[in-house]
Amino acid sequence: QEAYDLGIRLFGENKVQEIMDKSEVL
């Protein structure tokens, strides 16, 4: 979220579970 607030919109994840968890709250 902090990186998002600095203008970043593209994020890379290497685990499916992390994408699922983070996409729910970000």
mmCIF file of all heavy atoms, coordinates in Angstrom:
data_MODEL
# 
_entry.id   MODEL 
# 
loop_
_atom_site.group_PDB 
_atom_site.id 
_atom_site.type_symbol 
_atom_site.label_atom_id 
_atom_site.label_alt_id 
_atom_site.label_comp_id 
_atom_site.label_asym_id 
_atom_site.label_entity_id 
_atom_site.label_seq_id 
_atom_site.pdbx_PDB_ins_code 
_atom_site.Cartn_x 
_atom_site.Cartn_y 
_atom_site.Cartn_z 
_atom_site.occupancy 
_atom_site.B_iso_or_equiv 
_atom_site.pdbx_formal_charge 
_atom_site.auth_seq_id 
_atom_site.auth_comp_id 
_atom_site.auth_asym_id 
_atom_site.auth_atom_id 
_atom_site.pdbx_PDB_model_num 
ATOM 1   N N   . GLN A 1 1  ? 0.840   -1.209  0.000   1.00 0.00 ? 1  GLN A N   1 
ATOM 2   C CA  . GLN A 1 1  ? 0.000   0.000   0.000   1.00 0.00 ? 1  GLN A CA  1 
ATOM 3   C C   . GLN A 1 1  ? 0.874   1.258   0.000   1.00 0.00 ? 1  GLN A C   1 
ATOM 4   O O   . GLN A 1 1  ? 0.570   2.236   -0.689  1.00 0.00 ? 1  GLN A O   1 
ATOM 5   C CB  . GLN A 1 1  ? -0.935  0.010   1.219   1.00 0.00 ? 1  GLN A CB  1 
ATOM 6   C CG  . GLN A 1 1  ? -1.855  1.222   1.289   1.00 0.00 ? 1  GLN A CG  1 
ATOM 7   C CD  . GLN A 1 1  ? -2.884  1.264   0.189   1.00 0.00 ? 1  GLN A CD  1 
ATOM 8   O OE1 . GLN A 1 1  ? -3.608  0.295   -0.018  1.00 0.00 ? 1  GLN A OE1 1 
ATOM 9   N NE2 . GLN A 1 1  ? -2.970  2.384   -0.534  1.00 0.00 ? 1  GLN A NE2 1 
ATOM 10  N N   . GLU A 1 2  ? 1.962   1.222   0.743   1.00 0.00 ? 2  GLU A N   1 
ATOM 11  C CA  . GLU A 1 2  ? 2.876   2.370   0.786   1.00 0.00 ? 2  GLU A CA  1 
ATOM 12  C C   . GLU A 1 2  ? 3.473   2.629   -0.603  1.00 0.00 ? 2  GLU A C   1 
ATOM 13  O O   . GLU A 1 2  ? 3.547   3.770   -1.062  1.00 0.00 ? 2  GLU A O   1 
ATOM 14  C CB  . GLU A 1 2  ? 3.991   2.102   1.805   1.00 0.00 ? 2  GLU A CB  1 
ATOM 15  C CG  . GLU A 1 2  ? 4.891   3.292   2.051   1.00 0.00 ? 2  GLU A CG  1 
ATOM 16  C CD  . GLU A 1 2  ? 6.008   2.991   3.056   1.00 0.00 ? 2  GLU A CD  1 
ATOM 17  O OE1 . GLU A 1 2  ? 5.934   1.968   3.770   1.00 0.00 ? 2  GLU A OE1 1 
ATOM 18  O OE2 . GLU A 1 2  ? 6.968   3.786   3.097   1.00 0.00 ? 2  GLU A OE2 1 
ATOM 19  N N   . ALA A 1 3  ? 3.879   1.564   -1.298  1.00 0.00 ? 3  ALA A N   1 
ATOM 20  C CA  . ALA A 1 3  ? 4.406   1.707   -2.661  1.00 0.00 ? 3  ALA A CA  1 
ATOM 21  C C   . ALA A 1 3  ? 3.314   2.199   -3.600  1.00 0.00 ? 3  ALA A C   1 
ATOM 22  O O   . ALA A 1 3  ? 3.553   3.046   -4.472  1.00 0.00 ? 3  ALA A O   1 
ATOM 23  C CB  . ALA A 1 3  ? 4.982   0.377   -3.153  1.00 0.00 ? 3  ALA A CB  1 
ATOM 24  N N   . TYR A 1 4  ? 2.107   1.703   -3.417  1.00 0.00 ? 4  TYR A N   1 
ATOM 25  C CA  . TYR A 1 4  ? 0.958   2.157   -4.210  1.00 0.00 ? 4  TYR A CA  1 
ATOM 26  C C   . TYR A 1 4  ? 0.755   3.661   -4.029  1.00 0.00 ? 4  TYR A C   1 
ATOM 27  O O   . TYR A 1 4  ? 0.539   4.397   -4.988  1.00 0.00 ? 4  TYR A O   1 
ATOM 28  C CB  . TYR A 1 4  ? -0.291  1.382   -3.782  1.00 0.00 ? 4  TYR A CB  1 
ATOM 29  C CG  . TYR A 1 4  ? -1.558  1.812   -4.477  1.00 0.00 ? 4  TYR A CG  1 
ATOM 30  C CD1 . TYR A 1 4  ? -1.979  1.192   -5.646  1.00 0.00 ? 4  TYR A CD1 1 
ATOM 31  C CD2 . TYR A 1 4  ? -2.345  2.837   -3.947  1.00 0.00 ? 4  TYR A CD2 1 
ATOM 32  C CE1 . TYR A 1 4  ? -3.149  1.595   -6.287  1.00 0.00 ? 4  TYR A CE1 1 
ATOM 33  C CE2 . TYR A 1 4  ? -3.507  3.237   -4.570  1.00 0.00 ? 4  TYR A CE2 1 
ATOM 34  C CZ  . TYR A 1 4  ? -3.908  2.620   -5.743  1.00 0.00 ? 4  TYR A CZ  1 
ATOM 35  O OH  . TYR A 1 4  ? -5.055  3.028   -6.375  1.00 0.00 ? 4  TYR A OH  1 
ATOM 36  N N   . ASP A 1 5  ? 0.830   4.105   -2.783  1.00 0.00 ? 5  ASP A N   1 
ATOM 37  C CA  . ASP A 1 5  ? 0.648   5.530   -2.483  1.00 0.00 ? 5  ASP A CA  1 
ATOM 38  C C   . ASP A 1 5  ? 1.730   6.399   -3.121  1.00 0.00 ? 5  ASP A C   1 
ATOM 39  O O   . ASP A 1 5  ? 1.536   7.601   -3.321  1.00 0.00 ? 5  ASP A O   1 
ATOM 40  C CB  . ASP A 1 5  ? 0.618   5.759   -0.971  1.00 0.00 ? 5  ASP A CB  1 
ATOM 41  C CG  . ASP A 1 5  ? -0.610  5.137   -0.309  1.00 0.00 ? 5  ASP A CG  1 
ATOM 42  O OD1 . ASP A 1 5  ? -1.603  4.842   -1.023  1.00 0.00 ? 5  ASP A OD1 1 
ATOM 43  O OD2 . ASP A 1 5  ? -0.573  4.924   0.925   1.00 0.00 ? 5  ASP A OD2 1 
ATOM 44  N N   . LEU A 1 6  ? 2.880   5.787   -3.453  1.00 0.00 ? 6  LEU A N   1 
ATOM 45  C CA  . LEU A 1 6  ? 3.964   6.496   -4.139  1.00 0.00 ? 6  LEU A CA  1 
ATOM 46  C C   . LEU A 1 6  ? 3.819   6.434   -5.661  1.00 0.00 ? 6  LEU A C   1 
ATOM 47  O O   . LEU A 1 6  ? 4.676   6.910   -6.392  1.00 0.00 ? 6  LEU A O   1 
ATOM 48  C CB  . LEU A 1 6  ? 5.323   5.917   -3.721  1.00 0.00 ? 6  LEU A CB  1 
ATOM 49  C CG  . LEU A 1 6  ? 5.723   6.166   -2.265  1.00 0.00 ? 6  LEU A CG  1 
ATOM 50  C CD1 . LEU A 1 6  ? 6.940   5.327   -1.888  1.00 0.00 ? 6  LEU A CD1 1 
ATOM 51  C CD2 . LEU A 1 6  ? 6.004   7.651   -2.035  1.00 0.00 ? 6  LEU A CD2 1 
ATOM 52  N N   . GLY A 1 7  ? 2.740   5.804   -6.128  1.00 0.00 ? 7  GLY A N   1 
ATOM 53  C CA  . GLY A 1 7  ? 2.452   5.791   -7.559  1.00 0.00 ? 7  GLY A CA  1 
ATOM 54  C C   . GLY A 1 7  ? 2.663   4.472   -8.280  1.00 0.00 ? 7  GLY A C   1 
ATOM 55  O O   . GLY A 1 7  ? 2.380   4.352   -9.474  1.00 0.00 ? 7  GLY A O   1 
ATOM 56  N N   . ILE A 1 8  ? 3.142   3.446   -7.595  1.00 0.00 ? 8  ILE A N   1 
ATOM 57  C CA  . ILE A 1 8  ? 3.364   2.140   -8.229  1.00 0.00 ? 8  ILE A CA  1 
ATOM 58  C C   . ILE A 1 8  ? 2.009   1.438   -8.405  1.00 0.00 ? 8  ILE A C   1 
ATOM 59  O O   . ILE A 1 8  ? 1.196   1.405   -7.485  1.00 0.00 ? 8  ILE A O   1 
ATOM 60  C CB  . ILE A 1 8  ? 4.306   1.259   -7.375  1.00 0.00 ? 8  ILE A CB  1 
ATOM 61  C CG1 . ILE A 1 8  ? 5.656   1.941   -7.184  1.00 0.00 ? 8  ILE A CG1 1 
ATOM 62  C CG2 . ILE A 1 8  ? 4.465   -0.124  -7.999  1.00 0.00 ? 8  ILE A CG2 1 
ATOM 63  C CD1 . ILE A 1 8  ? 6.447   2.102   -8.444  1.00 0.00 ? 8  ILE A CD1 1 
ATOM 64  N N   . ARG A 1 9  ? 1.799   0.862   -9.585  1.00 0.00 ? 9  ARG A N   1 
ATOM 65  C CA  . ARG A 1 9  ? 0.554   0.131   -9.849  1.00 0.00 ? 9  ARG A CA  1 
ATOM 66  C C   . ARG A 1 9  ? 0.806   -1.304  -10.301 1.00 0.00 ? 9  ARG A C   1 
ATOM 67  O O   . ARG A 1 9  ? -0.122  -2.103  -10.336 1.00 0.00 ? 9  ARG A O   1 
ATOM 68  C CB  . ARG A 1 9  ? -0.280  0.856   -10.915 1.00 0.00 ? 9  ARG A CB  1 
ATOM 69  C CG  . ARG A 1 9  ? -0.804  2.219   -10.485 1.00 0.00 ? 9  ARG A CG  1 
ATOM 70  C CD  . ARG A 1 9  ? -1.775  2.103   -9.327  1.00 0.00 ? 9  ARG A CD  1 
ATOM 71  N NE  . ARG A 1 9  ? -2.300  3.379   -8.893  1.00 0.00 ? 9  ARG A NE  1 
ATOM 72  C CZ  . ARG A 1 9  ? -1.765  4.128   -7.942  1.00 0.00 ? 9  ARG A CZ  1 
ATOM 73  N NH1 . ARG A 1 9  ? -0.650  3.741   -7.317  1.00 0.00 ? 9  ARG A NH1 1 
ATOM 74  N NH2 . ARG A 1 9  ? -2.315  5.272   -7.585  1.00 0.00 ? 9  ARG A NH2 1 
ATOM 75  N N   . LEU A 1 10 ? 2.034   -1.659  -10.660 1.00 0.00 ? 10 LEU A N   1 
ATOM 76  C CA  . LEU A 1 10 ? 2.358   -3.015  -11.108 1.00 0.00 ? 10 LEU A CA  1 
ATOM 77  C C   . LEU A 1 10 ? 3.190   -3.709  -10.033 1.00 0.00 ? 10 LEU A C   1 
ATOM 78  O O   . LEU A 1 10 ? 4.246   -3.201  -9.642  1.00 0.00 ? 10 LEU A O   1 
ATOM 79  C CB  . LEU A 1 10 ? 3.150   -2.978  -12.418 1.00 0.00 ? 10 LEU A CB  1 
ATOM 80  C CG  . LEU A 1 10 ? 2.354   -2.803  -13.706 1.00 0.00 ? 10 LEU A CG  1 
ATOM 81  C CD1 . LEU A 1 10 ? 1.751   -1.422  -13.798 1.00 0.00 ? 10 LEU A CD1 1 
ATOM 82  C CD2 . LEU A 1 10 ? 3.245   -3.050  -14.895 1.00 0.00 ? 10 LEU A CD2 1 
ATOM 83  N N   . PHE A 1 11 ? 2.698   -4.862  -9.587  1.00 0.00 ? 11 PHE A N   1 
ATOM 84  C CA  . PHE A 1 11 ? 3.373   -5.609  -8.536  1.00 0.00 ? 11 PHE A CA  1 
ATOM 85  C C   . PHE A 1 11 ? 3.555   -7.060  -8.957  1.00 0.00 ? 11 PHE A C   1 
ATOM 86  O O   . PHE A 1 11 ? 2.657   -7.654  -9.551  1.00 0.00 ? 11 PHE A O   1 
ATOM 87  C CB  . PHE A 1 11 ? 2.581   -5.546  -7.224  1.00 0.00 ? 11 PHE A CB  1 
ATOM 88  C CG  . PHE A 1 11 ? 2.567   -4.170  -6.607  1.00 0.00 ? 11 PHE A CG  1 
ATOM 89  C CD1 . PHE A 1 11 ? 1.568   -3.255  -6.916  1.00 0.00 ? 11 PHE A CD1 1 
ATOM 90  C CD2 . PHE A 1 11 ? 3.566   -3.786  -5.728  1.00 0.00 ? 11 PHE A CD2 1 
ATOM 91  C CE1 . PHE A 1 11 ? 1.560   -1.983  -6.361  1.00 0.00 ? 11 PHE A CE1 1 
ATOM 92  C CE2 . PHE A 1 11 ? 3.572   -2.512  -5.168  1.00 0.00 ? 11 PHE A CE2 1 
ATOM 93  C CZ  . PHE A 1 11 ? 2.567   -1.606  -5.486  1.00 0.00 ? 11 PHE A CZ  1 
ATOM 94  N N   . GLY A 1 12 ? 4.724   -7.622  -8.645  1.00 0.00 ? 12 GLY A N   1 
ATOM 95  C CA  . GLY A 1 12 ? 5.041   -8.998  -8.981  1.00 0.00 ? 12 GLY A CA  1 
ATOM 96  C C   . GLY A 1 12 ? 5.070   -9.871  -7.752  1.00 0.00 ? 12 GLY A C   1 
ATOM 97  O O   . GLY A 1 12 ? 5.717   -9.539  -6.758  1.00 0.00 ? 12 GLY A O   1 
ATOM 98  N N   . GLU A 1 13 ? 4.369   -10.993 -7.833  1.00 0.00 ? 13 GLU A N   1 
ATOM 99  C CA  . GLU A 1 13 ? 4.331   -11.974 -6.748  1.00 0.00 ? 13 GLU A CA  1 
ATOM 100 C C   . GLU A 1 13 ? 4.778   -13.324 -7.286  1.00 0.00 ? 13 GLU A C   1 
ATOM 101 O O   . GLU A 1 13 ? 4.548   -13.640 -8.448  1.00 0.00 ? 13 GLU A O   1 
ATOM 102 C CB  . GLU A 1 13 ? 2.909   -12.102 -6.189  1.00 0.00 ? 13 GLU A CB  1 
ATOM 103 C CG  . GLU A 1 13 ? 2.423   -10.886 -5.421  1.00 0.00 ? 13 GLU A CG  1 
ATOM 104 C CD  . GLU A 1 13 ? 3.061   -10.745 -4.045  1.00 0.00 ? 13 GLU A CD  1 
ATOM 105 O OE1 . GLU A 1 13 ? 3.630   -11.730 -3.536  1.00 0.00 ? 13 GLU A OE1 1 
ATOM 106 O OE2 . GLU A 1 13 ? 2.990   -9.638  -3.478  1.00 0.00 ? 13 GLU A OE2 1 
ATOM 107 N N   . ASN A 1 14 ? 5.377   -14.134 -6.423  1.00 0.00 ? 14 ASN A N   1 
ATOM 108 C CA  . ASN A 1 14 ? 5.803   -15.456 -6.873  1.00 0.00 ? 14 ASN A CA  1 
ATOM 109 C C   . ASN A 1 14 ? 4.998   -16.588 -6.250  1.00 0.00 ? 14 ASN A C   1 
ATOM 110 O O   . ASN A 1 14 ? 5.277   -17.745 -6.499  1.00 0.00 ? 14 ASN A O   1 
ATOM 111 C CB  . ASN A 1 14 ? 7.302   -15.671 -6.644  1.00 0.00 ? 14 ASN A CB  1 
ATOM 112 C CG  . ASN A 1 14 ? 7.661   -15.791 -5.181  1.00 0.00 ? 14 ASN A CG  1 
ATOM 113 O OD1 . ASN A 1 14 ? 6.921   -15.348 -4.314  1.00 0.00 ? 14 ASN A OD1 1 
ATOM 114 N ND2 . ASN A 1 14 ? 8.799   -16.391 -4.899  1.00 0.00 ? 14 ASN A ND2 1 
ATOM 115 N N   . LYS A 1 15 ? 3.982   -16.246 -5.453  1.00 0.00 ? 15 LYS A N   1 
ATOM 116 C CA  . LYS A 1 15 ? 3.121   -17.272 -4.850  1.00 0.00 ? 15 LYS A CA  1 
ATOM 117 C C   . LYS A 1 15 ? 1.654   -16.911 -5.112  1.00 0.00 ? 15 LYS A C   1 
ATOM 118 O O   . LYS A 1 15 ? 1.226   -15.776 -4.898  1.00 0.00 ? 15 LYS A O   1 
ATOM 119 C CB  . LYS A 1 15 ? 3.376   -17.378 -3.353  1.00 0.00 ? 15 LYS A CB  1 
ATOM 120 C CG  . LYS A 1 15 ? 4.757   -17.941 -3.024  1.00 0.00 ? 15 LYS A CG  1 
ATOM 121 C CD  . LYS A 1 15 ? 4.829   -18.425 -1.609  1.00 0.00 ? 15 LYS A CD  1 
ATOM 122 C CE  . LYS A 1 15 ? 6.149   -19.016 -1.195  1.00 0.00 ? 15 LYS A CE  1 
ATOM 123 N NZ  . LYS A 1 15 ? 7.072   -19.427 -2.141  1.00 0.00 ? 15 LYS A NZ  1 
ATOM 124 N N   . VAL A 1 16 ? 0.912   -17.908 -5.551  1.00 0.00 ? 16 VAL A N   1 
ATOM 125 C CA  . VAL A 1 16 ? -0.503  -17.720 -5.855  1.00 0.00 ? 16 VAL A CA  1 
ATOM 126 C C   . VAL A 1 16 ? -1.259  -17.218 -4.628  1.00 0.00 ? 16 VAL A C   1 
ATOM 127 O O   . VAL A 1 16 ? -2.074  -16.295 -4.723  1.00 0.00 ? 16 VAL A O   1 
ATOM 128 C CB  . VAL A 1 16 ? -1.112  -19.038 -6.389  1.00 0.00 ? 16 VAL A CB  1 
ATOM 129 C CG1 . VAL A 1 16 ? -2.625  -18.981 -6.421  1.00 0.00 ? 16 VAL A CG1 1 
ATOM 130 C CG2 . VAL A 1 16 ? -0.543  -19.351 -7.766  1.00 0.00 ? 16 VAL A CG2 1 
ATOM 131 N N   . GLN A 1 17 ? -0.990  -17.799 -3.472  1.00 0.00 ? 17 GLN A N   1 
ATOM 132 C CA  . GLN A 1 17 ? -1.713  -17.422 -2.261  1.00 0.00 ? 17 GLN A CA  1 
ATOM 133 C C   . GLN A 1 17 ? -1.514  -15.942 -1.925  1.00 0.00 ? 17 GLN A C   1 
ATOM 134 O O   . GLN A 1 17 ? -2.447  -15.268 -1.486  1.00 0.00 ? 17 GLN A O   1 
ATOM 135 C CB  . GLN A 1 17 ? -1.283  -18.296 -1.080  1.00 0.00 ? 17 GLN A CB  1 
ATOM 136 C CG  . GLN A 1 17 ? -2.173  -18.135 0.151   1.00 0.00 ? 17 GLN A CG  1 
ATOM 137 C CD  . GLN A 1 17 ? -3.620  -18.542 -0.102  1.00 0.00 ? 17 GLN A CD  1 
ATOM 138 O OE1 . GLN A 1 17 ? -3.880  -19.621 -0.605  1.00 0.00 ? 17 GLN A OE1 1 
ATOM 139 N NE2 . GLN A 1 17 ? -4.545  -17.667 0.229   1.00 0.00 ? 17 GLN A NE2 1 
ATOM 140 N N   . GLU A 1 18 ? -0.303  -15.430 -2.148  1.00 0.00 ? 18 GLU A N   1 
ATOM 141 C CA  . GLU A 1 18 ? -0.058  -14.011 -1.850  1.00 0.00 ? 18 GLU A CA  1 
ATOM 142 C C   . GLU A 1 18 ? -0.855  -13.106 -2.781  1.00 0.00 ? 18 GLU A C   1 
ATOM 143 O O   . GLU A 1 18 ? -1.361  -12.071 -2.363  1.00 0.00 ? 18 GLU A O   1 
ATOM 144 C CB  . GLU A 1 18 ? 1.435   -13.698 -1.924  1.00 0.00 ? 18 GLU A CB  1 
ATOM 145 C CG  . GLU A 1 18 ? 2.198   -14.225 -0.721  1.00 0.00 ? 18 GLU A CG  1 
ATOM 146 C CD  . GLU A 1 18 ? 3.479   -13.448 -0.458  1.00 0.00 ? 18 GLU A CD  1 
ATOM 147 O OE1 . GLU A 1 18 ? 3.440   -12.205 -0.403  1.00 0.00 ? 18 GLU A OE1 1 
ATOM 148 O OE2 . GLU A 1 18 ? 4.520   -14.099 -0.309  1.00 0.00 ? 18 GLU A OE2 1 
ATOM 149 N N   . ILE A 1 19 ? -0.956  -13.488 -4.049  1.00 0.00 ? 19 ILE A N   1 
ATOM 150 C CA  . ILE A 1 19 ? -1.779  -12.692 -4.984  1.00 0.00 ? 19 ILE A CA  1 
ATOM 151 C C   . ILE A 1 19 ? -3.223  -12.699 -4.516  1.00 0.00 ? 19 ILE A C   1 
ATOM 152 O O   . ILE A 1 19 ? -3.882  -11.650 -4.474  1.00 0.00 ? 19 ILE A O   1 
ATOM 153 C CB  . ILE A 1 19 ? -1.673  -13.243 -6.421  1.00 0.00 ? 19 ILE A CB  1 
ATOM 154 C CG1 . ILE A 1 19 ? -0.278  -12.986 -6.986  1.00 0.00 ? 19 ILE A CG1 1 
ATOM 155 C CG2 . ILE A 1 19 ? -2.740  -12.614 -7.323  1.00 0.00 ? 19 ILE A CG2 1 
ATOM 156 C CD1 . ILE A 1 19 ? -0.005  -13.637 -8.328  1.00 0.00 ? 19 ILE A CD1 1 
ATOM 157 N N   . MET A 1 20 ? -3.719  -13.863 -4.150  1.00 0.00 ? 20 MET A N   1 
ATOM 158 C CA  . MET A 1 20 ? -5.111  -13.963 -3.716  1.00 0.00 ? 20 MET A CA  1 
ATOM 159 C C   . MET A 1 20 ? -5.362  -13.131 -2.461  1.00 0.00 ? 20 MET A C   1 
ATOM 160 O O   . MET A 1 20 ? -6.332  -12.380 -2.394  1.00 0.00 ? 20 MET A O   1 
ATOM 161 C CB  . MET A 1 20 ? -5.474  -15.431 -3.485  1.00 0.00 ? 20 MET A CB  1 
ATOM 162 C CG  . MET A 1 20 ? -5.501  -16.242 -4.772  1.00 0.00 ? 20 MET A CG  1 
ATOM 163 S SD  . MET A 1 20 ? -5.653  -18.016 -4.491  1.00 0.00 ? 20 MET A SD  1 
ATOM 164 C CE  . MET A 1 20 ? -7.170  -18.094 -3.556  1.00 0.00 ? 20 MET A CE  1 
ATOM 165 N N   . ASP A 1 21 ? -4.481  -13.261 -1.484  1.00 0.00 ? 21 ASP A N   1 
ATOM 166 C CA  . ASP A 1 21 ? -4.662  -12.531 -0.222  1.00 0.00 ? 21 ASP A CA  1 
ATOM 167 C C   . ASP A 1 21 ? -4.555  -11.025 -0.425  1.00 0.00 ? 21 ASP A C   1 
ATOM 168 O O   . ASP A 1 21 ? -5.398  -10.259 0.046   1.00 0.00 ? 21 ASP A O   1 
ATOM 169 C CB  . ASP A 1 21 ? -3.630  -12.979 0.812   1.00 0.00 ? 21 ASP A CB  1 
ATOM 170 C CG  . ASP A 1 21 ? -3.831  -14.420 1.270   1.00 0.00 ? 21 ASP A CG  1 
ATOM 171 O OD1 . ASP A 1 21 ? -4.907  -14.994 0.996   1.00 0.00 ? 21 ASP A OD1 1 
ATOM 172 O OD2 . ASP A 1 21 ? -2.898  -14.975 1.878   1.00 0.00 ? 21 ASP A OD2 1 
ATOM 173 N N   . LYS A 1 22 ? -3.533  -10.583 -1.130  1.00 0.00 ? 22 LYS A N   1 
ATOM 174 C CA  . LYS A 1 22 ? -3.303  -9.146  -1.284  1.00 0.00 ? 22 LYS A CA  1 
ATOM 175 C C   . LYS A 1 22 ? -4.333  -8.492  -2.198  1.00 0.00 ? 22 LYS A C   1 
ATOM 176 O O   . LYS A 1 22 ? -4.732  -7.348  -1.970  1.00 0.00 ? 22 LYS A O   1 
ATOM 177 C CB  . LYS A 1 22 ? -1.880  -8.889  -1.792  1.00 0.00 ? 22 LYS A CB  1 
ATOM 178 C CG  . LYS A 1 22 ? -0.822  -9.196  -0.742  1.00 0.00 ? 22 LYS A CG  1 
ATOM 179 C CD  . LYS A 1 22 ? 0.588   -9.087  -1.280  1.00 0.00 ? 22 LYS A CD  1 
ATOM 180 C CE  . LYS A 1 22 ? 1.605   -9.490  -0.231  1.00 0.00 ? 22 LYS A CE  1 
ATOM 181 N NZ  . LYS A 1 22 ? 2.974   -9.562  -0.743  1.00 0.00 ? 22 LYS A NZ  1 
ATOM 182 N N   . SER A 1 23 ? -4.771  -9.210  -3.222  1.00 0.00 ? 23 SER A N   1 
ATOM 183 C CA  . SER A 1 23 ? -5.759  -8.611  -4.133  1.00 0.00 ? 23 SER A CA  1 
ATOM 184 C C   . SER A 1 23 ? -7.094  -8.369  -3.435  1.00 0.00 ? 23 SER A C   1 
ATOM 185 O O   . SER A 1 23 ? -7.876  -7.531  -3.865  1.00 0.00 ? 23 SER A O   1 
ATOM 186 C CB  . SER A 1 23 ? -5.952  -9.489  -5.372  1.00 0.00 ? 23 SER A CB  1 
ATOM 187 O OG  . SER A 1 23 ? -6.540  -10.721 -5.041  1.00 0.00 ? 23 SER A OG  1 
ATOM 188 N N   . GLU A 1 24 ? -7.330  -9.087  -2.339  1.00 0.00 ? 24 GLU A N   1 
ATOM 189 C CA  . GLU A 1 24 ? -8.579  -8.900  -1.583  1.00 0.00 ? 24 GLU A CA  1 
ATOM 190 C C   . GLU A 1 24 ? -8.573  -7.614  -0.761  1.00 0.00 ? 24 GLU A C   1 
ATOM 191 O O   . GLU A 1 24 ? -9.632  -7.044  -0.515  1.00 0.00 ? 24 GLU A O   1 
ATOM 192 C CB  . GLU A 1 24 ? -8.803  -10.094 -0.634  1.00 0.00 ? 24 GLU A CB  1 
ATOM 193 C CG  . GLU A 1 24 ? -9.134  -11.387 -1.340  1.00 0.00 ? 24 GLU A CG  1 
ATOM 194 C CD  . GLU A 1 24 ? -10.503 -11.362 -1.994  1.00 0.00 ? 24 GLU A CD  1 
ATOM 195 O OE1 . GLU A 1 24 ? -11.458 -10.867 -1.362  1.00 0.00 ? 24 GLU A OE1 1 
ATOM 196 O OE2 . GLU A 1 24 ? -10.615 -11.829 -3.138  1.00 0.00 ? 24 GLU A OE2 1 
ATOM 197 N N   . VAL A 1 25 ? -7.400  -7.174  -0.313  1.00 0.00 ? 25 VAL A N   1 
ATOM 198 C CA  . VAL A 1 25 ? -7.345  -6.057  0.635   1.00 0.00 ? 25 VAL A CA  1 
ATOM 199 C C   . VAL A 1 25 ? -6.717  -4.787  0.068   1.00 0.00 ? 25 VAL A C   1 
ATOM 200 O O   . VAL A 1 25 ? -6.766  -3.740  0.708   1.00 0.00 ? 25 VAL A O   1 
ATOM 201 C CB  . VAL A 1 25 ? -6.597  -6.467  1.929   1.00 0.00 ? 25 VAL A CB  1 
ATOM 202 C CG1 . VAL A 1 25 ? -7.329  -7.599  2.630   1.00 0.00 ? 25 VAL A CG1 1 
ATOM 203 C CG2 . VAL A 1 25 ? -5.155  -6.841  1.649   1.00 0.00 ? 25 VAL A CG2 1 
ATOM 204 N N   . LEU A 1 26 ? -6.145  -4.868  -1.119  1.00 0.00 ? 26 LEU A N   1 
ATOM 205 C CA  . LEU A 1 26 ? -5.467  -3.713  -1.711  1.00 0.00 ? 26 LEU A CA  1 
ATOM 206 C C   . LEU A 1 26 ? -6.311  -3.126  -2.840  1.00 0.00 ? 26 LEU A C   1 
ATOM 207 O O   . LEU A 1 26 ? -7.248  -3.770  -3.320  1.00 0.00 ? 26 LEU A O   1 
ATOM 208 C CB  . LEU A 1 26 ? -4.080  -4.120  -2.199  1.00 0.00 ? 26 LEU A CB  1 
ATOM 209 C CG  . LEU A 1 26 ? -3.085  -4.396  -1.065  1.00 0.00 ? 26 LEU A CG  1 
ATOM 210 C CD1 . LEU A 1 26 ? -1.901  -5.211  -1.555  1.00 0.00 ? 26 LEU A CD1 1 
ATOM 211 C CD2 . LEU A 1 26 ? -2.616  -3.095  -0.426  1.00 0.00 ? 26 LEU A CD2 1 
# 
